[in-house]
PDB file of N, CA and C in Angstrom:
ATOM      1  N   UNK A   1     165.859  18.672 -52.147  1.00  0.00           N
ATOM      2  CA  UNK A   1     164.661  18.524 -51.356  1.00  0.00           C
ATOM      3  C   UNK A   1     165.050  18.274 -49.898  1.00  0.00           C
ATOM      4  N   UNK A   2     164.384  18.946 -48.988  1.00  0.00           N
ATOM      5  CA  UNK A   2     164.658  18.785 -47.557  1.00  0.00           C
ATOM      6  C   UNK A   2     163.964  17.527 -47.040  1.00  0.00           C
ATOM      7  N   UNK A   3     164.518  16.955 -45.973  1.00  0.00           N
ATOM      8  CA  UNK A   3     163.975  15.693 -45.467  1.00  0.00           C
ATOM      9  C   UNK A   3     162.529  15.836 -45.011  1.00  0.00           C
ATOM     10  N   UNK A   4     162.165  16.972 -44.402  1.00  0.00           N
ATOM     11  CA  UNK A   4     160.779  17.124 -43.971  1.00  0.00           C
ATOM     12  C   UNK A   4     159.843  17.120 -45.182  1.00  0.00           C
ATOM     13  N   UNK A   5     160.330  17.583 -46.332  1.00  0.00           N
ATOM     14  CA  UNK A   5     159.521  17.572 -47.554  1.00  0.00           C
ATOM     15  C   UNK A   5     159.312  16.143 -48.056  1.00  0.00           C
ATOM     16  N   UNK A   6     160.298  15.302 -47.880  1.00  0.00           N
ATOM     17  CA  UNK A   6     160.164  13.888 -48.246  1.00  0.00           C
ATOM     18  C   UNK A   6     159.095  13.239 -47.381  1.00  0.00           C
ATOM     19  N   UNK A   7     159.125  13.527 -46.088  1.00  0.00           N
ATOM     20  CA  UNK A   7     158.111  12.986 -45.182  1.00  0.00           C
ATOM     21  C   UNK A   7     156.729  13.484 -45.606  1.00  0.00           C
ATOM     22  N   UNK A   8     156.611  14.774 -45.902  1.00  0.00           N
ATOM     23  CA  UNK A   8     155.333  15.347 -46.341  1.00  0.00           C
ATOM     24  C   UNK A   8     154.854  14.672 -47.624  1.00  0.00           C
ATOM     25  N   UNK A   9     155.743  14.433 -48.568  1.00  0.00           N
ATOM     26  CA  UNK A   9     155.369  13.749 -49.810  1.00  0.00           C
ATOM     27  C   UNK A   9     154.898  12.327 -49.543  1.00  0.00           C
ATOM     28  N   UNK A  10     155.553  11.635 -48.614  1.00  0.00           N
ATOM     29  CA  UNK A  10     155.137  10.277 -48.261  1.00  0.00           C
ATOM     30  C   UNK A  10     153.751  10.277 -47.633  1.00  0.00           C
ATOM     31  N   UNK A  11     153.475  11.263 -46.800  1.00  0.00           N
ATOM     32  CA  UNK A  11     152.137  11.377 -46.220  1.00  0.00           C
ATOM     33  C   UNK A  11     151.107  11.609 -47.321  1.00  0.00           C
ATOM     34  N   UNK A  12     151.411  12.492 -48.225  1.00  0.00           N
ATOM     35  CA  UNK A  12     150.494  12.797 -49.330  1.00  0.00           C
ATOM     36  C   UNK A  12     150.236  11.556 -50.180  1.00  0.00           C
ATOM     37  N   UNK A  13     151.285  10.788 -50.470  1.00  0.00           N
ATOM     38  CA  UNK A  13     151.134   9.560 -51.262  1.00  0.00           C
ATOM     39  C   UNK A  13     150.241   8.548 -50.543  1.00  0.00           C
ATOM     40  N   UNK A  14     150.269   8.580 -49.216  1.00  0.00           N
ATOM     41  CA  UNK A  14     149.433   7.670 -48.420  1.00  0.00           C
ATOM     42  C   UNK A  14     148.038   8.258 -48.178  1.00  0.00           C
ATOM     43  N   UNK A  15     147.724   9.339 -48.885  1.00  0.00           N
ATOM     44  CA  UNK A  15     146.415   9.997 -48.840  1.00  0.00           C
ATOM     45  C   UNK A  15     146.113  10.680 -47.514  1.00  0.00           C
ATOM     46  N   UNK A  16     147.145  11.233 -46.903  1.00  0.00           N
ATOM     47  CA  UNK A  16     146.989  12.054 -45.712  1.00  0.00           C
ATOM     48  C   UNK A  16     147.160  13.516 -46.112  1.00  0.00           C
ATOM     49  N   UNK A  17     146.369  14.384 -45.528  1.00  0.00           N
ATOM     50  CA  UNK A  17     146.588  15.819 -45.658  1.00  0.00           C
ATOM     51  C   UNK A  17     147.479  16.235 -44.507  1.00  0.00           C
ATOM     52  N   UNK A  18     148.289  17.253 -44.704  1.00  0.00           N
ATOM     53  CA  UNK A  18     149.197  17.662 -43.632  1.00  0.00           C
ATOM     54  C   UNK A  18     149.332  19.179 -43.631  1.00  0.00           C
ATOM     55  N   UNK A  19     149.841  19.678 -42.539  1.00  0.00           N
ATOM     56  CA  UNK A  19     150.109  21.098 -42.428  1.00  0.00           C
ATOM     57  C   UNK A  19     151.123  21.340 -41.327  1.00  0.00           C
ATOM     58  N   UNK A  20     151.718  22.517 -41.335  1.00  0.00           N
ATOM     59  CA  UNK A  20     152.651  22.888 -40.268  1.00  0.00           C
ATOM     60  C   UNK A  20     152.608  24.390 -40.075  1.00  0.00           C
ATOM     61  N   UNK A  21     152.951  24.802 -38.882  1.00  0.00           N
ATOM     62  CA  UNK A  21     152.968  26.220 -38.543  1.00  0.00           C
ATOM     63  C   UNK A  21     154.016  26.446 -37.464  1.00  0.00           C
ATOM     64  N   UNK A  22     154.630  27.609 -37.488  1.00  0.00           N
ATOM     65  CA  UNK A  22     155.532  27.971 -36.392  1.00  0.00           C
ATOM     66  C   UNK A  22     154.838  29.032 -35.546  1.00  0.00           C
ATOM     67  N   UNK A  23     155.183  29.038 -34.283  1.00  0.00           N
ATOM     68  CA  UNK A  23     154.609  30.005 -33.352  1.00  0.00           C
ATOM     69  C   UNK A  23     155.670  30.337 -32.304  1.00  0.00           C
ATOM     70  N   UNK A  24     155.408  31.358 -31.549  1.00  0.00           N
ATOM     71  CA  UNK A  24     156.304  31.745 -30.458  1.00  0.00           C
ATOM     72  C   UNK A  24     155.580  31.471 -29.155  1.00  0.00           C
ATOM     73  N   UNK A  25     156.232  30.708 -28.260  1.00  0.00           N
ATOM     74  CA  UNK A  25     155.581  30.394 -26.991  1.00  0.00           C
ATOM     75  C   UNK A  25     155.729  31.551 -26.005  1.00  0.00           C
ATOM     76  N   UNK A  26     155.209  31.367 -24.808  1.00  0.00           N
ATOM     77  CA  UNK A  26     155.195  32.443 -23.809  1.00  0.00           C
ATOM     78  C   UNK A  26     156.591  32.847 -23.340  1.00  0.00           C
ATOM     79  N   UNK A  27     157.591  32.010 -23.611  1.00  0.00           N
ATOM     80  CA  UNK A  27     158.962  32.329 -23.221  1.00  0.00           C
ATOM     81  C   UNK A  27     159.790  32.842 -24.397  1.00  0.00           C
ATOM     82  N   UNK A  28     159.120  33.133 -25.514  1.00  0.00           N
ATOM     83  CA  UNK A  28     159.803  33.699 -26.666  1.00  0.00           C
ATOM     84  C   UNK A  28     160.501  32.695 -27.563  1.00  0.00           C
ATOM     85  N   UNK A  29     160.276  31.400 -27.348  1.00  0.00           N
ATOM     86  CA  UNK A  29     160.909  30.366 -28.168  1.00  0.00           C
ATOM     87  C   UNK A  29     160.018  30.028 -29.358  1.00  0.00           C
ATOM     88  N   UNK A  30     160.624  29.767 -30.492  1.00  0.00           N
ATOM     89  CA  UNK A  30     159.880  29.326 -31.666  1.00  0.00           C
ATOM     90  C   UNK A  30     159.573  27.841 -31.514  1.00  0.00           C
ATOM     91  N   UNK A  31     158.329  27.475 -31.746  1.00  0.00           N
ATOM     92  CA  UNK A  31     157.924  26.080 -31.728  1.00  0.00           C
ATOM     93  C   UNK A  31     157.282  25.758 -33.075  1.00  0.00           C
ATOM     94  N   UNK A  32     157.309  24.497 -33.436  1.00  0.00           N
ATOM     95  CA  UNK A  32     156.692  24.023 -34.673  1.00  0.00           C
ATOM     96  C   UNK A  32     155.583  23.051 -34.333  1.00  0.00           C
ATOM     97  N   UNK A  33     154.475  23.183 -35.007  1.00  0.00           N
ATOM     98  CA  UNK A  33     153.351  22.276 -34.843  1.00  0.00           C
ATOM     99  C   UNK A  33     153.070  21.702 -36.225  1.00  0.00           C
ATOM    100  N   UNK A  34     153.008  20.385 -36.308  1.00  0.00           N
ATOM    101  CA  UNK A  34     152.711  19.717 -37.575  1.00  0.00           C
ATOM    102  C   UNK A  34     151.561  18.749 -37.336  1.00  0.00           C
ATOM    103  N   UNK A  35     150.721  18.602 -38.342  1.00  0.00           N
ATOM    104  CA  UNK A  35     149.616  17.669 -38.216  1.00  0.00           C
ATOM    105  C   UNK A  35     149.399  16.925 -39.520  1.00  0.00           C
ATOM    106  N   UNK A  36     148.802  15.749 -39.388  1.00  0.00           N
ATOM    107  CA  UNK A  36     148.392  14.959 -40.547  1.00  0.00           C
ATOM    108  C   UNK A  36     147.003  14.438 -40.228  1.00  0.00           C
ATOM    109  N   UNK A  37     146.137  14.429 -41.235  1.00  0.00           N
ATOM    110  CA  UNK A  37     144.770  13.969 -41.009  1.00  0.00           C
ATOM    111  C   UNK A  37     144.190  13.379 -42.287  1.00  0.00           C
ATOM    112  N   UNK A  38     143.177  12.534 -42.091  1.00  0.00           N
ATOM    113  CA  UNK A  38     142.475  11.917 -43.207  1.00  0.00           C
ATOM    114  C   UNK A  38     140.981  12.139 -43.034  1.00  0.00           C
ATOM    115  N   UNK A  39     140.234  11.890 -44.064  1.00  0.00           N
ATOM    116  CA  UNK A  39     138.792  12.063 -44.028  1.00  0.00           C
ATOM    117  C   UNK A  39     138.060  11.095 -43.119  1.00  0.00           C
ATOM    118  N   UNK A  40     138.720  10.017 -42.710  1.00  0.00           N
ATOM    119  CA  UNK A  40     138.066   9.031 -41.847  1.00  0.00           C
ATOM    120  C   UNK A  40     138.193   9.364 -40.359  1.00  0.00           C
ATOM    121  N   UNK A  41     138.712  10.549 -40.058  1.00  0.00           N
ATOM    122  CA  UNK A  41     138.824  10.977 -38.661  1.00  0.00           C
ATOM    123  C   UNK A  41     140.165  10.699 -38.012  1.00  0.00           C
ATOM    124  N   UNK A  42     141.031   9.971 -38.663  1.00  0.00           N
ATOM    125  CA  UNK A  42     142.372   9.721 -38.110  1.00  0.00           C
ATOM    126  C   UNK A  42     143.182  11.001 -38.201  1.00  0.00           C
ATOM    127  N   UNK A  43     143.911  11.305 -37.125  1.00  0.00           N
ATOM    128  CA  UNK A  43     144.745  12.501 -37.160  1.00  0.00           C
ATOM    129  C   UNK A  43     145.872  12.410 -36.140  1.00  0.00           C
ATOM    130  N   UNK A  44     146.935  13.137 -36.414  1.00  0.00           N
ATOM    131  CA  UNK A  44     148.101  13.240 -35.540  1.00  0.00           C
ATOM    132  C   UNK A  44     148.489  14.706 -35.465  1.00  0.00           C
ATOM    133  N   UNK A  45     148.834  15.162 -34.274  1.00  0.00           N
ATOM    134  CA  UNK A  45     149.328  16.522 -34.081  1.00  0.00           C
ATOM    135  C   UNK A  45     150.566  16.428 -33.198  1.00  0.00           C
ATOM    136  N   UNK A  46     151.653  17.064 -33.617  1.00  0.00           N
ATOM    137  CA  UNK A  46     152.890  17.040 -32.839  1.00  0.00           C
ATOM    138  C   UNK A  46     153.444  18.453 -32.686  1.00  0.00           C
ATOM    139  N   UNK A  47     154.219  18.632 -31.641  1.00  0.00           N
ATOM    140  CA  UNK A  47     154.877  19.922 -31.377  1.00  0.00           C
ATOM    141  C   UNK A  47     156.348  19.644 -31.124  1.00  0.00           C
ATOM    142  N   UNK A  48     157.222  20.491 -31.671  1.00  0.00           N
ATOM    143  CA  UNK A  48     158.665  20.313 -31.487  1.00  0.00           C
ATOM    144  C   UNK A  48     159.358  21.665 -31.587  1.00  0.00           C
ATOM    145  N   UNK A  49     160.621  21.688 -31.199  1.00  0.00           N
ATOM    146  CA  UNK A  49     161.414  22.920 -31.251  1.00  0.00           C
ATOM    147  C   UNK A  49     161.931  23.222 -32.654  1.00  0.00           C
ATOM    148  N   UNK A  50     161.954  22.222 -33.527  1.00  0.00           N
ATOM    149  CA  UNK A  50     162.446  22.400 -34.895  1.00  0.00           C
ATOM    150  C   UNK A  50     161.480  21.754 -35.872  1.00  0.00           C
ATOM    151  N   UNK A  51     161.414  22.284 -37.074  1.00  0.00           N
ATOM    152  CA  UNK A  51     160.496  21.768 -38.090  1.00  0.00           C
ATOM    153  C   UNK A  51     160.796  20.309 -38.422  1.00  0.00           C
ATOM    154  N   UNK A  52     162.059  19.984 -38.648  1.00  0.00           N
ATOM    155  CA  UNK A  52     162.414  18.611 -38.981  1.00  0.00           C
ATOM    156  C   UNK A  52     162.011  17.663 -37.859  1.00  0.00           C
ATOM    157  N   UNK A  53     162.265  18.043 -36.628  1.00  0.00           N
ATOM    158  CA  UNK A  53     161.910  17.200 -35.488  1.00  0.00           C
ATOM    159  C   UNK A  53     160.405  16.951 -35.452  1.00  0.00           C
ATOM    160  N   UNK A  54     159.616  17.966 -35.741  1.00  0.00           N
ATOM    161  CA  UNK A  54     158.159  17.807 -35.771  1.00  0.00           C
ATOM    162  C   UNK A  54     157.757  16.795 -36.841  1.00  0.00           C
ATOM    163  N   UNK A  55     158.353  16.896 -38.022  1.00  0.00           N
ATOM    164  CA  UNK A  55     157.999  15.967 -39.091  1.00  0.00           C
ATOM    165  C   UNK A  55     158.514  14.557 -38.831  1.00  0.00           C
ATOM    166  N   UNK A  56     159.656  14.428 -38.188  1.00  0.00           N
ATOM    167  CA  UNK A  56     160.152  13.101 -37.824  1.00  0.00           C
ATOM    168  C   UNK A  56     159.201  12.432 -36.833  1.00  0.00           C
ATOM    169  N   UNK A  57     158.692  13.189 -35.875  1.00  0.00           N
ATOM    170  CA  UNK A  57     157.736  12.643 -34.912  1.00  0.00           C
ATOM    171  C   UNK A  57     156.419  12.288 -35.606  1.00  0.00           C
ATOM    172  N   UNK A  58     155.993  13.123 -36.527  1.00  0.00           N
ATOM    173  CA  UNK A  58     154.782  12.836 -37.298  1.00  0.00           C
ATOM    174  C   UNK A  58     154.961  11.538 -38.093  1.00  0.00           C
ATOM    175  N   UNK A  59     156.119  11.383 -38.705  1.00  0.00           N
ATOM    176  CA  UNK A  59     156.422  10.164 -39.460  1.00  0.00           C
ATOM    177  C   UNK A  59     156.410   8.947 -38.542  1.00  0.00           C
ATOM    178  N   UNK A  60     156.995   9.073 -37.359  1.00  0.00           N
ATOM    179  CA  UNK A  60     157.050   7.959 -36.411  1.00  0.00           C
ATOM    180  C   UNK A  60     155.636   7.527 -36.019  1.00  0.00           C
ATOM    181  N   UNK A  61     154.784   8.481 -35.716  1.00  0.00           N
ATOM    182  CA  UNK A  61     153.410   8.158 -35.327  1.00  0.00           C
ATOM    183  C   UNK A  61     152.627   7.553 -36.481  1.00  0.00           C
ATOM    184  N   UNK A  62     152.821   8.099 -37.674  1.00  0.00           N
ATOM    185  CA  UNK A  62     152.148   7.578 -38.856  1.00  0.00           C
ATOM    186  C   UNK A  62     152.559   6.128 -39.102  1.00  0.00           C
ATOM    187  N   UNK A  63     153.860   5.846 -39.037  1.00  0.00           N
ATOM    188  CA  UNK A  63     154.348   4.487 -39.279  1.00  0.00           C
ATOM    189  C   UNK A  63     153.862   3.520 -38.209  1.00  0.00           C
ATOM    190  N   UNK A  64     153.817   3.955 -36.955  1.00  0.00           N
ATOM    191  CA  UNK A  64     153.324   3.096 -35.878  1.00  0.00           C
ATOM    192  C   UNK A  64     151.846   2.773 -36.098  1.00  0.00           C
ATOM    193  N   UNK A  65     151.068   3.756 -36.485  1.00  0.00           N
ATOM    194  CA  UNK A  65     149.641   3.534 -36.738  1.00  0.00           C
ATOM    195  C   UNK A  65     149.459   2.616 -37.941  1.00  0.00           C
ATOM    196  N   UNK A  66     150.267   2.781 -38.967  1.00  0.00           N
ATOM    197  CA  UNK A  66     150.179   1.927 -40.159  1.00  0.00           C
ATOM    198  C   UNK A  66     150.517   0.487 -39.805  1.00  0.00           C
ATOM    199  N   UNK A  67     151.498   0.283 -38.943  1.00  0.00           N
ATOM    200  CA  UNK A  67     151.884  -1.059 -38.519  1.00  0.00           C
ATOM    201  C   UNK A  67     150.758  -1.726 -37.730  1.00  0.00           C
ATOM    202  N   UNK A  68     150.120  -0.958 -36.835  1.00  0.00           N
ATOM    203  CA  UNK A  68     148.996  -1.506 -36.059  1.00  0.00           C
ATOM    204  C   UNK A  68     147.848  -1.887 -36.979  1.00  0.00           C
ATOM    205  N   UNK A  69     147.568  -1.073 -37.983  1.00  0.00           N
ATOM    206  CA  UNK A  69     146.502  -1.351 -38.922  1.00  0.00           C
ATOM    207  C   UNK A  69     146.819  -2.617 -39.722  1.00  0.00           C
ATOM    208  N   UNK A  70     148.050  -2.745 -40.185  1.00  0.00           N
ATOM    209  CA  UNK A  70     148.446  -3.929 -40.967  1.00  0.00           C
ATOM    210  C   UNK A  70     148.324  -5.185 -40.108  1.00  0.00           C
ATOM    211  N   UNK A  71     148.699  -5.116 -38.832  1.00  0.00           N
ATOM    212  CA  UNK A  71     148.610  -6.260 -37.938  1.00  0.00           C
ATOM    213  C   UNK A  71     147.150  -6.645 -37.694  1.00  0.00           C
ATOM    214  N   UNK A  72     146.275  -5.658 -37.612  1.00  0.00           N
ATOM    215  CA  UNK A  72     144.861  -5.937 -37.365  1.00  0.00           C
ATOM    216  C   UNK A  72     144.209  -6.595 -38.575  1.00  0.00           C
ATOM    217  N   UNK A  73     144.690  -6.258 -39.770  1.00  0.00           N
ATOM    218  CA  UNK A  73     144.112  -6.824 -41.000  1.00  0.00           C
ATOM    219  C   UNK A  73     144.526  -8.278 -41.169  1.00  0.00           C
ATOM    220  N   UNK A  74     145.742  -8.627 -40.749  1.00  0.00           N
ATOM    221  CA  UNK A  74     146.257 -10.003 -40.938  1.00  0.00           C
ATOM    222  C   UNK A  74     145.588 -11.004 -40.072  1.00  0.00           C
TER     223      UNK A  74
END
């Protein structure tokens, strides 16, 4: 299993939907866009040069948001 798949599975377990797509920018470079969203309106969208990098950034944002939520509940 690839590391980005582990991140995707963790998002799914936390009840987030996710998706990713590659595209070519105006300079001919491949870029990756990944997003995670929930039914309550929370969402994250990231762009990176590599798929793994996009998912690592998505994971970082998800974990930061989860930490803020946990702090607000306490």
